[in-house]
């Protein structure tokens, strides 16, 4: 057994070895580069999606929400996340999520 995490969305799976420009994915889990129609590293895009998923597990909601795809695109581009006050999260989990989602340590 290896120490790795597998993330998949079987409706949109694709084998890649390098950069891709394919626009696929579930709206809430798409990284900013996909919304900007830029080529992106699929492994970093998966890391972004995993950060969104981890946030959702930890808080019970997605970090970005909007009434339309265009509005969601704008919110995601800002990469600003806040945590619900009622969510009692450790500084370590917040730091991990921030590194996975917020611009800085992981770039697209």
C-alpha atoms as a PDB file:
ATOM      1  CA  UNK A   1       0.000   0.000   0.000  1.00  0.00           C
ATOM      2  CA  UNK A   2       1.349   3.419  -0.910  1.00  0.00           C
ATOM      3  CA  UNK A   3       0.822   6.673   0.925  1.00  0.00           C
ATOM      4  CA  UNK A   4      -1.116   8.393  -1.805  1.00  0.00           C
ATOM      5  CA  UNK A   5      -4.536   9.835  -2.338  1.00  0.00           C
ATOM      6  CA  UNK A   6      -6.628   9.111  -5.404  1.00  0.00           C
ATOM      7  CA  UNK A   7      -9.045  11.791  -6.576  1.00  0.00           C
ATOM      8  CA  UNK A   8     -11.374  11.058  -9.450  1.00  0.00           C
ATOM      9  CA  UNK A   9     -14.423  12.325 -11.200  1.00  0.00           C
ATOM     10  CA  UNK A  10     -15.292   9.396 -13.429  1.00  0.00           C
ATOM     11  CA  UNK A  11     -17.538  11.485 -15.619  1.00  0.00           C
ATOM     12  CA  UNK A  12     -14.566  13.554 -16.704  1.00  0.00           C
ATOM     13  CA  UNK A  13     -11.477  11.363 -16.345  1.00  0.00           C
ATOM     14  CA  UNK A  14      -8.578  11.755 -18.758  1.00  0.00           C
ATOM     15  CA  UNK A  15      -5.058  10.371 -18.810  1.00  0.00           C
ATOM     16  CA  UNK A  16      -2.437  13.100 -19.178  1.00  0.00           C
ATOM     17  CA  UNK A  17       1.328  13.316 -18.795  1.00  0.00           C
ATOM     18  CA  UNK A  18       1.864  17.067 -19.136  1.00  0.00           C
ATOM     19  CA  UNK A  19      -0.093  20.309 -19.487  1.00  0.00           C
ATOM     20  CA  UNK A  20      -3.630  20.163 -20.802  1.00  0.00           C
ATOM     21  CA  UNK A  21      -6.161  22.662 -22.048  1.00  0.00           C
ATOM     22  CA  UNK A  22      -9.202  20.431 -21.793  1.00  0.00           C
ATOM     23  CA  UNK A  23     -12.088  22.141 -20.026  1.00  0.00           C
ATOM     24  CA  UNK A  24     -13.603  19.466 -17.814  1.00  0.00           C
ATOM     25  CA  UNK A  25     -14.726  19.108 -14.226  1.00  0.00           C
ATOM     26  CA  UNK A  26     -17.462  19.802 -11.747  1.00  0.00           C
ATOM     27  CA  UNK A  27     -18.113  23.552 -11.449  1.00  0.00           C
ATOM     28  CA  UNK A  28     -17.281  23.993  -7.760  1.00  0.00           C
ATOM     29  CA  UNK A  29     -14.037  22.046  -8.074  1.00  0.00           C
ATOM     30  CA  UNK A  30     -12.534  23.683 -11.176  1.00  0.00           C
ATOM     31  CA  UNK A  31      -9.286  25.587 -10.664  1.00  0.00           C
ATOM     32  CA  UNK A  32      -8.990  29.218 -11.845  1.00  0.00           C
ATOM     33  CA  UNK A  33      -6.969  28.281 -14.954  1.00  0.00           C
ATOM     34  CA  UNK A  34      -9.856  26.196 -16.275  1.00  0.00           C
ATOM     35  CA  UNK A  35     -12.261  29.108 -15.876  1.00  0.00           C
ATOM     36  CA  UNK A  36      -9.716  31.359 -17.635  1.00  0.00           C
ATOM     37  CA  UNK A  37      -9.411  28.888 -20.565  1.00  0.00           C
ATOM     38  CA  UNK A  38      -5.659  28.571 -19.954  1.00  0.00           C
ATOM     39  CA  UNK A  39      -3.495  25.484 -20.224  1.00  0.00           C
ATOM     40  CA  UNK A  40      -2.929  24.040 -16.790  1.00  0.00           C
ATOM     41  CA  UNK A  41      -1.030  21.334 -14.958  1.00  0.00           C
ATOM     42  CA  UNK A  42      -3.646  18.623 -14.299  1.00  0.00           C
ATOM     43  CA  UNK A  43      -1.874  17.508 -11.123  1.00  0.00           C
ATOM     44  CA  UNK A  44      -2.045  21.015  -9.635  1.00  0.00           C
ATOM     45  CA  UNK A  45      -5.664  21.268 -10.767  1.00  0.00           C
ATOM     46  CA  UNK A  46      -6.394  18.031  -8.888  1.00  0.00           C
ATOM     47  CA  UNK A  47      -4.636  19.433  -5.831  1.00  0.00           C
ATOM     48  CA  UNK A  48      -6.882  22.506  -6.048  1.00  0.00           C
ATOM     49  CA  UNK A  49      -9.967  20.259  -6.296  1.00  0.00           C
ATOM     50  CA  UNK A  50      -8.803  18.234  -3.328  1.00  0.00           C
ATOM     51  CA  UNK A  51      -8.426  21.471  -1.339  1.00  0.00           C
ATOM     52  CA  UNK A  52     -12.007  22.416  -2.208  1.00  0.00           C
ATOM     53  CA  UNK A  53     -13.159  18.937  -1.191  1.00  0.00           C
ATOM     54  CA  UNK A  54     -11.202  19.079   2.080  1.00  0.00           C
ATOM     55  CA  UNK A  55     -12.736  22.491   2.851  1.00  0.00           C
ATOM     56  CA  UNK A  56     -16.192  21.044   2.204  1.00  0.00           C
ATOM     57  CA  UNK A  57     -15.554  18.056   4.471  1.00  0.00           C
ATOM     58  CA  UNK A  58     -14.220  20.323   7.244  1.00  0.00           C
ATOM     59  CA  UNK A  59     -16.943  22.990   7.085  1.00  0.00           C
ATOM     60  CA  UNK A  60     -19.981  21.354   5.492  1.00  0.00           C
ATOM     61  CA  UNK A  61     -20.050  23.786   2.560  1.00  0.00           C
ATOM     62  CA  UNK A  62     -17.985  24.747  -0.473  1.00  0.00           C
ATOM     63  CA  UNK A  63     -15.672  27.757  -0.104  1.00  0.00           C
ATOM     64  CA  UNK A  64     -17.009  29.466  -3.223  1.00  0.00           C
ATOM     65  CA  UNK A  65     -20.640  29.823  -4.159  1.00  0.00           C
ATOM     66  CA  UNK A  66     -22.549  31.971  -6.611  1.00  0.00           C
ATOM     67  CA  UNK A  67     -25.864  32.179  -8.440  1.00  0.00           C
ATOM     68  CA  UNK A  68     -24.386  31.650 -11.906  1.00  0.00           C
ATOM     69  CA  UNK A  69     -21.353  30.150 -13.621  1.00  0.00           C
ATOM     70  CA  UNK A  70     -20.070  33.621 -14.528  1.00  0.00           C
ATOM     71  CA  UNK A  71     -20.390  34.828 -10.940  1.00  0.00           C
ATOM     72  CA  UNK A  72     -18.667  31.675  -9.668  1.00  0.00           C
ATOM     73  CA  UNK A  73     -15.834  32.248 -12.135  1.00  0.00           C
ATOM     74  CA  UNK A  74     -15.238  35.728 -10.684  1.00  0.00           C
ATOM     75  CA  UNK A  75     -15.347  34.523  -7.086  1.00  0.00           C
ATOM     76  CA  UNK A  76     -12.911  31.667  -7.781  1.00  0.00           C
ATOM     77  CA  UNK A  77     -10.488  34.041  -9.541  1.00  0.00           C
ATOM     78  CA  UNK A  78     -10.093  36.008  -6.297  1.00  0.00           C
ATOM     79  CA  UNK A  79      -8.972  32.858  -4.438  1.00  0.00           C
ATOM     80  CA  UNK A  80     -10.120  34.328  -1.129  1.00  0.00           C
ATOM     81  CA  UNK A  81     -11.608  31.902   1.335  1.00  0.00           C
ATOM     82  CA  UNK A  82     -13.155  32.430   4.728  1.00  0.00           C
ATOM     83  CA  UNK A  83     -14.075  29.863   7.311  1.00  0.00           C
ATOM     84  CA  UNK A  84     -17.432  29.724   9.078  1.00  0.00           C
ATOM     85  CA  UNK A  85     -17.088  30.905  12.669  1.00  0.00           C
ATOM     86  CA  UNK A  86     -18.934  27.836  13.933  1.00  0.00           C
ATOM     87  CA  UNK A  87     -16.392  25.507  12.261  1.00  0.00           C
ATOM     88  CA  UNK A  88     -13.820  24.666  14.906  1.00  0.00           C
ATOM     89  CA  UNK A  89     -10.834  23.961  12.665  1.00  0.00           C
ATOM     90  CA  UNK A  90      -7.264  23.539  13.774  1.00  0.00           C
ATOM     91  CA  UNK A  91      -4.665  25.982  12.443  1.00  0.00           C
ATOM     92  CA  UNK A  92      -2.989  23.010  10.709  1.00  0.00           C
ATOM     93  CA  UNK A  93      -6.050  22.105   8.619  1.00  0.00           C
ATOM     94  CA  UNK A  94      -6.629  25.758   7.715  1.00  0.00           C
ATOM     95  CA  UNK A  95      -2.998  26.071   6.667  1.00  0.00           C
ATOM     96  CA  UNK A  96      -3.233  22.944   4.507  1.00  0.00           C
ATOM     97  CA  UNK A  97      -6.438  24.117   2.820  1.00  0.00           C
ATOM     98  CA  UNK A  98      -4.981  27.595   2.284  1.00  0.00           C
ATOM     99  CA  UNK A  99      -1.876  26.106   0.639  1.00  0.00           C
ATOM    100  CA  UNK A 100      -4.027  23.984  -1.645  1.00  0.00           C
ATOM    101  CA  UNK A 101      -6.475  26.724  -2.669  1.00  0.00           C
ATOM    102  CA  UNK A 102      -5.221  30.224  -1.999  1.00  0.00           C
ATOM    103  CA  UNK A 103      -2.741  31.783  -4.437  1.00  0.00           C
ATOM    104  CA  UNK A 104       0.760  31.717  -3.078  1.00  0.00           C
ATOM    105  CA  UNK A 105       2.232  28.304  -2.438  1.00  0.00           C
ATOM    106  CA  UNK A 106       0.566  26.621  -5.396  1.00  0.00           C
ATOM    107  CA  UNK A 107       0.316  28.556  -8.614  1.00  0.00           C
ATOM    108  CA  UNK A 108      -1.513  27.907 -11.860  1.00  0.00           C
END
